[in-house]
Every structure is written in C-alpha cells, then in structure tokens.
Amino acid sequence: MNPKALLLCAVCLAFASRGEEACVHPARGETRPVSLAAVGRAQEEIREKLALLVERAGKLSPREPYESGLPACRRREVRVVRTEVPAPLVGKTIGFGPSGRIPAADIRVATSARSLLEADADALADPALSARLRVRCFPTLVRARSEAELELVENP
C-alpha cells in the first residue's frame, strides 16, 4: 500500500477516535422548559377569543345601526389613571362619542352610528377598547400623557 495513503488513513483514524461531535450548535439566548399542557391551554384560549370575535363580526352589518353600550356622561369630570400606554400613542388624543359628534382628537372612536357605512370615525368602540382605556361614558377625550398615564376628560 502507498505510504501516503497509510498516513492519511492514520490521521483520519486519530481524529475520528477523539469522540468529538460532528456538529456543535451554540446557545442562541435564554432557554426555558416548555409545558405542552400550557401551550395547549394558550391555544385553546386564543381559539375561544377568535370564536367570539368571529361571532361578533357576523352580527355587524354595514347598513344596520351600531351601539357600543356606553352610557352618556352626566357631568364634566377629569380623571387621571395609571396604565400602560404604547409609546406611539404618547402625546395623542383619542375621542369617544357618537358618529358626527366625536370630540376633536387625533383618533376618533364612534360609540354609536346610524349605520356602519355612515360612521364618521377611525374606529368603533367595543367593550375591550373602552375597558383598556378606562372609558366609562361618552363623550370622552383621552389624552396619553406618558407611557404610564392617561388623562380622561368626560363630557368635555
């Protein structure tokens, strides 16, 4: 046998006998154990929320009236609430009111409208949005003062 081939075989056998792994994957950040039961519960929760959204969306018709269920404000009141506010909303105002009578604001949210086609607003008020921003009645002007504070002016 050729001496060069013998030398090459010896070098290959020496490296192969070390027991090193052929492929090494470095850690890519923090790792945590995963519970498949917890993942299943989270998926079921998302499935239920989506089902509720689909059910509600099926009830909305472009020609039918919309009513959020918020009551009218009885008197002028200014409240400051501490809550988490997304950074892009800081310095902006959000007005809640019936379509056509929404307070002047950067974002206008209709609490009611004769029909969705006639709604003159950027969004529709729904219970989740009203609860998140702590809106109790209409008309209400919400000012995002910081990433941790909202000012609500009821009946401005």
N, C-alpha and C. Protein backbone atom coordinates (compact mmCIF):
# COMPACT_ATOMS: atom_id res chain seq x y z
N MET A 1 0.83 -1.17 0.00
CA MET A 1 0.00 0.00 0.00
C MET A 1 0.88 1.24 0.00
N ASN A 2 0.39 2.30 -0.59
CA ASN A 2 1.09 3.56 -0.73
C ASN A 2 1.31 4.17 0.66
N PRO A 3 2.51 4.65 0.97
CA PRO A 3 2.77 5.23 2.30
C PRO A 3 1.96 6.50 2.55
N LYS A 4 1.69 7.28 1.51
CA LYS A 4 0.88 8.50 1.70
C LYS A 4 -0.56 8.12 2.08
N ALA A 5 -1.08 7.08 1.50
CA ALA A 5 -2.44 6.64 1.81
C ALA A 5 -2.50 6.12 3.24
N LEU A 6 -1.44 5.39 3.67
CA LEU A 6 -1.40 4.90 5.04
C LEU A 6 -1.36 6.06 6.03
N LEU A 7 -0.59 7.08 5.72
CA LEU A 7 -0.50 8.26 6.58
C LEU A 7 -1.86 8.97 6.66
N LEU A 8 -2.52 9.12 5.56
CA LEU A 8 -3.84 9.77 5.53
C LEU A 8 -4.85 8.96 6.34
N CYS A 9 -4.84 7.64 6.21
CA CYS A 9 -5.75 6.79 6.99
C CYS A 9 -5.46 6.93 8.48
N ALA A 10 -4.20 6.99 8.85
CA ALA A 10 -3.82 7.10 10.27
C ALA A 10 -4.32 8.42 10.84
N VAL A 11 -4.16 9.52 10.09
CA VAL A 11 -4.62 10.84 10.55
C VAL A 11 -6.14 10.83 10.69
N CYS A 12 -6.86 10.27 9.75
CA CYS A 12 -8.33 10.21 9.81
C CYS A 12 -8.78 9.40 11.01
N LEU A 13 -8.15 8.25 11.27
CA LEU A 13 -8.50 7.42 12.41
C LEU A 13 -8.20 8.13 13.73
N ALA A 14 -7.12 8.90 13.77
CA ALA A 14 -6.76 9.62 15.00
C ALA A 14 -7.83 10.67 15.32
N PHE A 15 -8.27 11.40 14.33
CA PHE A 15 -9.31 12.42 14.56
C PHE A 15 -10.67 11.79 14.83
N ALA A 16 -10.98 10.66 14.20
CA ALA A 16 -12.27 10.01 14.38
C ALA A 16 -12.39 9.39 15.77
N SER A 17 -11.27 8.98 16.37
CA SER A 17 -11.32 8.30 17.66
C SER A 17 -11.44 9.28 18.82
N ARG A 18 -11.31 10.57 18.60
CA ARG A 18 -11.41 11.55 19.68
C ARG A 18 -12.81 11.62 20.29
N GLY A 19 -13.85 11.26 19.57
CA GLY A 19 -15.22 11.26 20.09
C GLY A 19 -15.87 12.64 20.04
N GLU A 20 -15.33 13.55 19.26
CA GLU A 20 -15.93 14.88 19.15
C GLU A 20 -17.22 14.80 18.35
N GLU A 21 -18.13 15.70 18.68
CA GLU A 21 -19.38 15.76 17.92
C GLU A 21 -19.10 16.36 16.55
N ALA A 22 -19.82 15.86 15.58
CA ALA A 22 -19.63 16.35 14.23
C ALA A 22 -20.20 17.74 14.05
N CYS A 23 -21.21 18.09 14.86
CA CYS A 23 -21.90 19.38 14.68
C CYS A 23 -22.15 20.00 16.05
N VAL A 24 -21.73 21.21 16.23
CA VAL A 24 -21.92 21.90 17.52
C VAL A 24 -22.80 23.12 17.27
N HIS A 25 -23.90 23.23 18.06
CA HIS A 25 -24.81 24.36 17.93
C HIS A 25 -24.68 25.23 19.18
N PRO A 26 -24.19 26.44 19.03
CA PRO A 26 -24.08 27.31 20.21
C PRO A 26 -25.47 27.74 20.70
N ALA A 27 -25.54 28.08 21.98
CA ALA A 27 -26.82 28.56 22.55
C ALA A 27 -27.18 29.88 21.88
N ARG A 28 -28.47 30.08 21.63
CA ARG A 28 -28.94 31.31 20.98
C ARG A 28 -29.86 32.06 21.93
N GLY A 29 -29.37 32.43 23.08
CA GLY A 29 -30.17 33.18 24.02
C GLY A 29 -30.69 32.31 25.14
N GLU A 30 -31.55 32.90 25.93
CA GLU A 30 -32.11 32.23 27.09
C GLU A 30 -33.07 31.13 26.66
N THR A 31 -33.01 30.01 27.34
CA THR A 31 -33.92 28.91 27.05
C THR A 31 -34.75 28.61 28.29
N ARG A 32 -35.93 28.10 28.07
CA ARG A 32 -36.83 27.73 29.17
C ARG A 32 -37.51 26.42 28.82
N PRO A 33 -37.84 25.65 29.84
CA PRO A 33 -38.61 24.43 29.55
C PRO A 33 -40.02 24.80 29.09
N VAL A 34 -40.57 23.99 28.22
CA VAL A 34 -41.90 24.25 27.68
C VAL A 34 -42.86 23.16 28.15
N SER A 35 -44.00 23.60 28.63
CA SER A 35 -45.03 22.66 29.03
C SER A 35 -46.03 22.54 27.89
N LEU A 36 -46.16 21.36 27.35
CA LEU A 36 -47.11 21.17 26.26
C LEU A 36 -48.54 21.40 26.72
N ALA A 37 -48.83 21.14 27.98
CA ALA A 37 -50.17 21.40 28.51
C ALA A 37 -50.45 22.90 28.53
N ALA A 38 -49.44 23.70 28.92
CA ALA A 38 -49.62 25.15 28.94
C ALA A 38 -49.79 25.70 27.52
N VAL A 39 -49.04 25.16 26.58
CA VAL A 39 -49.18 25.58 25.18
C VAL A 39 -50.58 25.24 24.68
N GLY A 40 -51.07 24.07 25.03
CA GLY A 40 -52.43 23.67 24.63
C GLY A 40 -53.48 24.59 25.21
N ARG A 41 -53.32 24.97 26.50
CA ARG A 41 -54.28 25.89 27.13
C ARG A 41 -54.25 27.25 26.44
N ALA A 42 -53.05 27.74 26.13
CA ALA A 42 -52.93 29.05 25.46
C ALA A 42 -53.59 29.00 24.08
N GLN A 43 -53.39 27.91 23.36
CA GLN A 43 -54.02 27.78 22.04
C GLN A 43 -55.54 27.74 22.16
N GLU A 44 -56.04 27.06 23.18
CA GLU A 44 -57.49 26.98 23.39
C GLU A 44 -58.05 28.36 23.74
N GLU A 45 -57.31 29.12 24.55
CA GLU A 45 -57.75 30.48 24.91
C GLU A 45 -57.82 31.37 23.67
N ILE A 46 -56.83 31.29 22.82
CA ILE A 46 -56.82 32.07 21.57
C ILE A 46 -57.98 31.63 20.68
N ARG A 47 -58.22 30.32 20.61
CA ARG A 47 -59.32 29.80 19.79
C ARG A 47 -60.66 30.35 20.27
N GLU A 48 -60.86 30.40 21.60
CA GLU A 48 -62.10 30.94 22.15
C GLU A 48 -62.26 32.43 21.85
N LYS A 49 -61.17 33.19 22.00
CA LYS A 49 -61.24 34.63 21.73
C LYS A 49 -61.56 34.89 20.26
N LEU A 50 -60.92 34.12 19.37
CA LEU A 50 -61.20 34.30 17.94
C LEU A 50 -62.63 33.92 17.61
N ALA A 51 -63.15 32.89 18.27
CA ALA A 51 -64.54 32.49 18.03
C ALA A 51 -65.50 33.61 18.43
N LEU A 52 -65.20 34.27 19.56
CA LEU A 52 -66.04 35.39 20.00
C LEU A 52 -65.98 36.55 19.00
N LEU A 53 -64.77 36.83 18.50
CA LEU A 53 -64.62 37.90 17.52
C LEU A 53 -65.37 37.60 16.24
N VAL A 54 -65.27 36.36 15.78
CA VAL A 54 -65.97 35.96 14.55
C VAL A 54 -67.47 36.05 14.76
N GLU A 55 -67.94 35.61 15.94
CA GLU A 55 -69.37 35.67 16.24
C GLU A 55 -69.86 37.11 16.24
N ARG A 56 -69.07 38.00 16.86
CA ARG A 56 -69.48 39.41 16.92
C ARG A 56 -69.42 40.05 15.53
N ALA A 57 -68.38 39.72 14.77
CA ALA A 57 -68.25 40.28 13.43
C ALA A 57 -69.42 39.86 12.55
N GLY A 58 -69.92 38.65 12.76
CA GLY A 58 -71.06 38.18 11.99
C GLY A 58 -72.33 38.97 12.29
N LYS A 59 -72.40 39.58 13.47
CA LYS A 59 -73.58 40.35 13.85
C LYS A 59 -73.57 41.75 13.26
N LEU A 60 -72.39 42.25 12.89
CA LEU A 60 -72.30 43.59 12.33
C LEU A 60 -72.67 43.57 10.86
N SER A 61 -73.50 44.52 10.49
CA SER A 61 -73.90 44.65 9.10
C SER A 61 -73.68 46.11 8.70
N PRO A 62 -73.18 46.37 7.50
CA PRO A 62 -72.87 47.74 7.10
C PRO A 62 -74.07 48.69 7.14
N ARG A 63 -75.28 48.16 6.99
CA ARG A 63 -76.46 49.03 6.91
C ARG A 63 -77.21 49.14 8.24
N GLU A 64 -76.85 48.32 9.21
CA GLU A 64 -77.55 48.35 10.50
C GLU A 64 -76.88 49.33 11.46
N PRO A 65 -77.65 49.85 12.43
CA PRO A 65 -77.07 50.77 13.41
C PRO A 65 -76.05 50.07 14.31
N TYR A 66 -75.12 50.87 14.83
CA TYR A 66 -74.11 50.35 15.75
C TYR A 66 -74.27 51.06 17.09
N GLU A 67 -74.20 50.29 18.16
CA GLU A 67 -74.30 50.84 19.52
C GLU A 67 -73.29 50.09 20.39
N SER A 68 -72.39 50.84 21.02
CA SER A 68 -71.35 50.21 21.84
C SER A 68 -71.84 49.84 23.23
N GLY A 69 -72.91 50.49 23.68
CA GLY A 69 -73.41 50.21 25.02
C GLY A 69 -72.90 51.17 26.07
N LEU A 70 -72.02 52.10 25.69
CA LEU A 70 -71.54 53.09 26.67
C LEU A 70 -72.65 54.09 26.97
N PRO A 71 -72.84 54.44 28.24
CA PRO A 71 -73.86 55.44 28.58
C PRO A 71 -73.35 56.85 28.32
N ALA A 72 -74.26 57.82 28.33
CA ALA A 72 -73.88 59.23 28.17
C ALA A 72 -73.30 59.75 29.49
N CYS A 73 -72.31 60.61 29.41
CA CYS A 73 -71.72 61.23 30.60
C CYS A 73 -72.72 62.23 31.18
N ARG A 74 -72.87 62.25 32.48
CA ARG A 74 -73.83 63.15 33.12
C ARG A 74 -73.24 64.51 33.44
N ARG A 75 -71.93 64.53 33.75
CA ARG A 75 -71.30 65.81 34.10
C ARG A 75 -69.85 65.77 33.66
N ARG A 76 -69.25 66.94 33.64
CA ARG A 76 -67.84 67.04 33.27
C ARG A 76 -67.00 66.53 34.44
N GLU A 77 -66.06 65.65 34.11
CA GLU A 77 -65.16 65.12 35.12
C GLU A 77 -63.82 64.83 34.47
N VAL A 78 -62.75 65.15 35.17
CA VAL A 78 -61.40 64.87 34.68
C VAL A 78 -60.79 63.82 35.60
N ARG A 79 -60.32 62.73 35.00
CA ARG A 79 -59.68 61.65 35.76
C ARG A 79 -58.31 61.37 35.19
N VAL A 80 -57.37 61.01 36.05
CA VAL A 80 -56.04 60.57 35.62
C VAL A 80 -55.89 59.14 36.10
N VAL A 81 -55.57 58.25 35.17
CA VAL A 81 -55.40 56.83 35.51
C VAL A 81 -54.00 56.38 35.11
N ARG A 82 -53.46 55.51 35.93
CA ARG A 82 -52.15 54.93 35.62
C ARG A 82 -52.37 53.59 34.92
N THR A 83 -51.85 53.48 33.74
CA THR A 83 -51.95 52.25 32.95
C THR A 83 -50.85 52.26 31.91
N GLU A 84 -50.54 51.12 31.37
CA GLU A 84 -49.51 51.03 30.34
C GLU A 84 -50.05 51.58 29.02
N VAL A 85 -49.28 52.47 28.41
CA VAL A 85 -49.68 53.11 27.15
C VAL A 85 -48.59 52.83 26.11
N PRO A 86 -48.94 52.34 24.92
CA PRO A 86 -47.93 52.14 23.87
C PRO A 86 -47.25 53.45 23.51
N ALA A 87 -45.94 53.41 23.31
CA ALA A 87 -45.15 54.60 23.02
C ALA A 87 -45.70 55.44 21.85
N PRO A 88 -46.18 54.82 20.74
CA PRO A 88 -46.67 55.65 19.63
C PRO A 88 -47.91 56.50 19.99
N LEU A 89 -48.62 56.15 21.07
CA LEU A 89 -49.81 56.91 21.46
C LEU A 89 -49.51 58.09 22.39
N VAL A 90 -48.31 58.13 22.95
CA VAL A 90 -47.97 59.21 23.88
C VAL A 90 -48.05 60.55 23.15
N GLY A 91 -48.78 61.49 23.76
CA GLY A 91 -48.97 62.81 23.15
C GLY A 91 -50.18 62.89 22.24
N LYS A 92 -50.82 61.78 21.98
CA LYS A 92 -52.00 61.75 21.10
C LYS A 92 -53.28 61.83 21.93
N THR A 93 -54.37 62.19 21.26
CA THR A 93 -55.68 62.22 21.90
C THR A 93 -56.61 61.24 21.18
N ILE A 94 -57.52 60.65 21.96
CA ILE A 94 -58.50 59.71 21.41
C ILE A 94 -59.87 60.20 21.87
N GLY A 95 -60.75 60.48 20.92
CA GLY A 95 -62.08 60.97 21.25
C GLY A 95 -63.12 59.89 21.08
N PHE A 96 -63.95 59.71 22.12
CA PHE A 96 -65.05 58.75 22.09
C PHE A 96 -66.36 59.52 22.04
N GLY A 97 -67.24 59.18 21.12
CA GLY A 97 -68.54 59.83 21.04
C GLY A 97 -69.35 59.27 19.89
N PRO A 98 -70.63 59.66 19.81
CA PRO A 98 -71.47 59.21 18.69
C PRO A 98 -70.92 59.75 17.37
N SER A 99 -71.08 58.98 16.32
CA SER A 99 -70.62 59.41 15.00
C SER A 99 -71.20 60.77 14.67
N GLY A 100 -70.36 61.69 14.25
CA GLY A 100 -70.79 63.04 13.92
C GLY A 100 -70.66 64.00 15.10
N ARG A 101 -70.51 63.48 16.31
CA ARG A 101 -70.36 64.34 17.49
C ARG A 101 -69.17 63.91 18.35
N ILE A 102 -68.17 63.34 17.72
CA ILE A 102 -66.97 62.90 18.43
C ILE A 102 -66.11 64.13 18.73
N PRO A 103 -65.59 64.26 19.97
CA PRO A 103 -64.71 65.39 20.27
C PRO A 103 -63.51 65.40 19.34
N ALA A 104 -63.01 66.59 19.02
CA ALA A 104 -61.84 66.72 18.15
C ALA A 104 -60.67 65.97 18.79
N ALA A 105 -60.05 65.07 18.01
CA ALA A 105 -58.95 64.25 18.53
C ALA A 105 -58.14 63.69 17.37
N ASP A 106 -56.96 63.18 17.71
CA ASP A 106 -56.11 62.54 16.69
C ASP A 106 -56.75 61.25 16.18
N ILE A 107 -57.36 60.50 17.10
CA ILE A 107 -58.04 59.25 16.76
C ILE A 107 -59.48 59.37 17.22
N ARG A 108 -60.42 59.16 16.30
CA ARG A 108 -61.85 59.32 16.63
C ARG A 108 -62.52 57.96 16.68
N VAL A 109 -63.17 57.67 17.81
CA VAL A 109 -63.81 56.37 18.04
C VAL A 109 -65.30 56.58 18.20
N ALA A 110 -66.09 55.93 17.34
CA ALA A 110 -67.55 56.08 17.39
C ALA A 110 -68.14 55.12 18.42
N THR A 111 -68.97 55.67 19.31
CA THR A 111 -69.67 54.84 20.29
C THR A 111 -71.02 54.39 19.74
N SER A 112 -71.52 55.10 18.73
CA SER A 112 -72.77 54.71 18.07
C SER A 112 -72.81 55.36 16.68
N ALA A 113 -73.61 54.75 15.80
CA ALA A 113 -73.77 55.28 14.44
C ALA A 113 -75.09 54.77 13.87
N ARG A 114 -75.69 55.58 13.00
CA ARG A 114 -76.94 55.13 12.36
C ARG A 114 -76.71 53.91 11.50
N SER A 115 -75.53 53.83 10.87
CA SER A 115 -75.11 52.64 10.13
C SER A 115 -73.59 52.67 10.04
N LEU A 116 -72.99 51.52 9.85
CA LEU A 116 -71.53 51.48 9.74
C LEU A 116 -71.05 52.23 8.50
N LEU A 117 -71.87 52.24 7.46
CA LEU A 117 -71.50 52.97 6.25
C LEU A 117 -71.41 54.47 6.50
N GLU A 118 -72.24 54.97 7.41
CA GLU A 118 -72.26 56.40 7.69
C GLU A 118 -71.37 56.79 8.86
N ALA A 119 -70.74 55.83 9.50
CA ALA A 119 -69.89 56.12 10.66
C ALA A 119 -68.71 56.99 10.24
N ASP A 120 -68.61 58.16 10.82
CA ASP A 120 -67.54 59.09 10.51
C ASP A 120 -66.52 59.00 11.66
N ALA A 121 -65.72 57.92 11.64
CA ALA A 121 -64.77 57.69 12.73
C ALA A 121 -63.61 56.83 12.22
N ASP A 122 -62.55 56.78 13.03
CA ASP A 122 -61.40 55.95 12.70
C ASP A 122 -61.58 54.52 13.20
N ALA A 123 -62.43 54.36 14.23
CA ALA A 123 -62.65 53.04 14.82
C ALA A 123 -64.00 53.01 15.51
N LEU A 124 -64.43 51.81 15.86
CA LEU A 124 -65.67 51.63 16.62
C LEU A 124 -65.30 51.26 18.06
N ALA A 125 -66.04 51.82 19.00
CA ALA A 125 -65.80 51.48 20.41
C ALA A 125 -66.35 50.09 20.68
N ASP A 126 -65.57 49.29 21.34
CA ASP A 126 -66.07 47.99 21.79
C ASP A 126 -65.70 47.85 23.26
N PRO A 127 -66.31 46.92 23.96
CA PRO A 127 -66.08 46.81 25.40
C PRO A 127 -64.61 46.64 25.78
N ALA A 128 -63.85 45.88 24.99
CA ALA A 128 -62.44 45.65 25.32
C ALA A 128 -61.63 46.95 25.22
N LEU A 129 -61.86 47.73 24.17
CA LEU A 129 -61.16 49.00 24.00
C LEU A 129 -61.55 49.98 25.10
N SER A 130 -62.84 50.09 25.37
CA SER A 130 -63.30 51.00 26.41
C SER A 130 -62.72 50.62 27.77
N ALA A 131 -62.70 49.33 28.07
CA ALA A 131 -62.15 48.87 29.35
C ALA A 131 -60.65 49.12 29.42
N ARG A 132 -59.94 48.87 28.33
CA ARG A 132 -58.48 49.06 28.31
C ARG A 132 -58.11 50.51 28.57
N LEU A 133 -58.89 51.44 28.00
CA LEU A 133 -58.61 52.87 28.17
C LEU A 133 -59.38 53.47 29.35
N ARG A 134 -60.16 52.64 30.04
CA ARG A 134 -60.95 53.04 31.21
C ARG A 134 -61.99 54.11 30.89
N VAL A 135 -62.57 54.02 29.69
CA VAL A 135 -63.63 54.94 29.27
C VAL A 135 -64.95 54.43 29.85
N ARG A 136 -65.66 55.29 30.59
CA ARG A 136 -66.90 54.89 31.26
C ARG A 136 -68.15 55.40 30.54
N CYS A 137 -68.02 56.50 29.77
CA CYS A 137 -69.19 57.10 29.14
C CYS A 137 -68.74 57.92 27.92
N PHE A 138 -69.74 58.45 27.20
CA PHE A 138 -69.41 59.31 26.06
C PHE A 138 -70.09 60.66 26.23
N PRO A 139 -69.58 61.74 25.70
CA PRO A 139 -68.29 61.87 25.03
C PRO A 139 -67.15 61.90 26.04
N THR A 140 -66.02 61.31 25.65
CA THR A 140 -64.81 61.31 26.49
C THR A 140 -63.61 61.58 25.60
N LEU A 141 -62.73 62.43 26.10
CA LEU A 141 -61.48 62.72 25.41
C LEU A 141 -60.35 62.11 26.24
N VAL A 142 -59.59 61.21 25.62
CA VAL A 142 -58.49 60.53 26.31
C VAL A 142 -57.18 61.13 25.81
N ARG A 143 -56.34 61.58 26.75
CA ARG A 143 -55.01 62.11 26.41
C ARG A 143 -53.96 61.17 26.99
N ALA A 144 -53.07 60.69 26.15
CA ALA A 144 -51.96 59.85 26.62
C ALA A 144 -50.84 60.77 27.06
N ARG A 145 -50.70 60.96 28.38
CA ARG A 145 -49.71 61.89 28.91
C ARG A 145 -48.30 61.31 28.90
N SER A 146 -48.20 60.02 29.15
CA SER A 146 -46.91 59.34 29.16
C SER A 146 -47.16 57.86 28.90
N GLU A 147 -46.10 57.06 28.96
CA GLU A 147 -46.26 55.62 28.73
C GLU A 147 -46.91 54.94 29.93
N ALA A 148 -47.20 55.71 30.98
CA ALA A 148 -47.79 55.10 32.18
C ALA A 148 -49.02 55.85 32.68
N GLU A 149 -49.50 56.86 31.92
CA GLU A 149 -50.59 57.68 32.46
C GLU A 149 -51.51 58.20 31.36
N LEU A 150 -52.82 58.12 31.63
CA LEU A 150 -53.85 58.66 30.74
C LEU A 150 -54.64 59.71 31.50
N GLU A 151 -55.06 60.75 30.78
CA GLU A 151 -55.98 61.73 31.34
C GLU A 151 -57.30 61.59 30.57
N LEU A 152 -58.38 61.39 31.28
CA LEU A 152 -59.70 61.24 30.66
C LEU A 152 -60.57 62.43 31.04
N VAL A 153 -61.09 63.12 30.03
CA VAL A 153 -61.99 64.24 30.26
C VAL A 153 -63.37 63.78 29.79
N GLU A 154 -64.25 63.53 30.76
CA GLU A 154 -65.60 63.10 30.43
C GLU A 154 -66.48 64.32 30.23
N ASN A 155 -67.28 64.30 29.19
CA ASN A 155 -68.16 65.40 28.82
C ASN A 155 -67.39 66.71 28.65
N PRO A 156 -66.37 66.69 27.73
CA PRO A 156 -65.50 67.87 27.57
C PRO A 156 -66.24 69.09 27.04
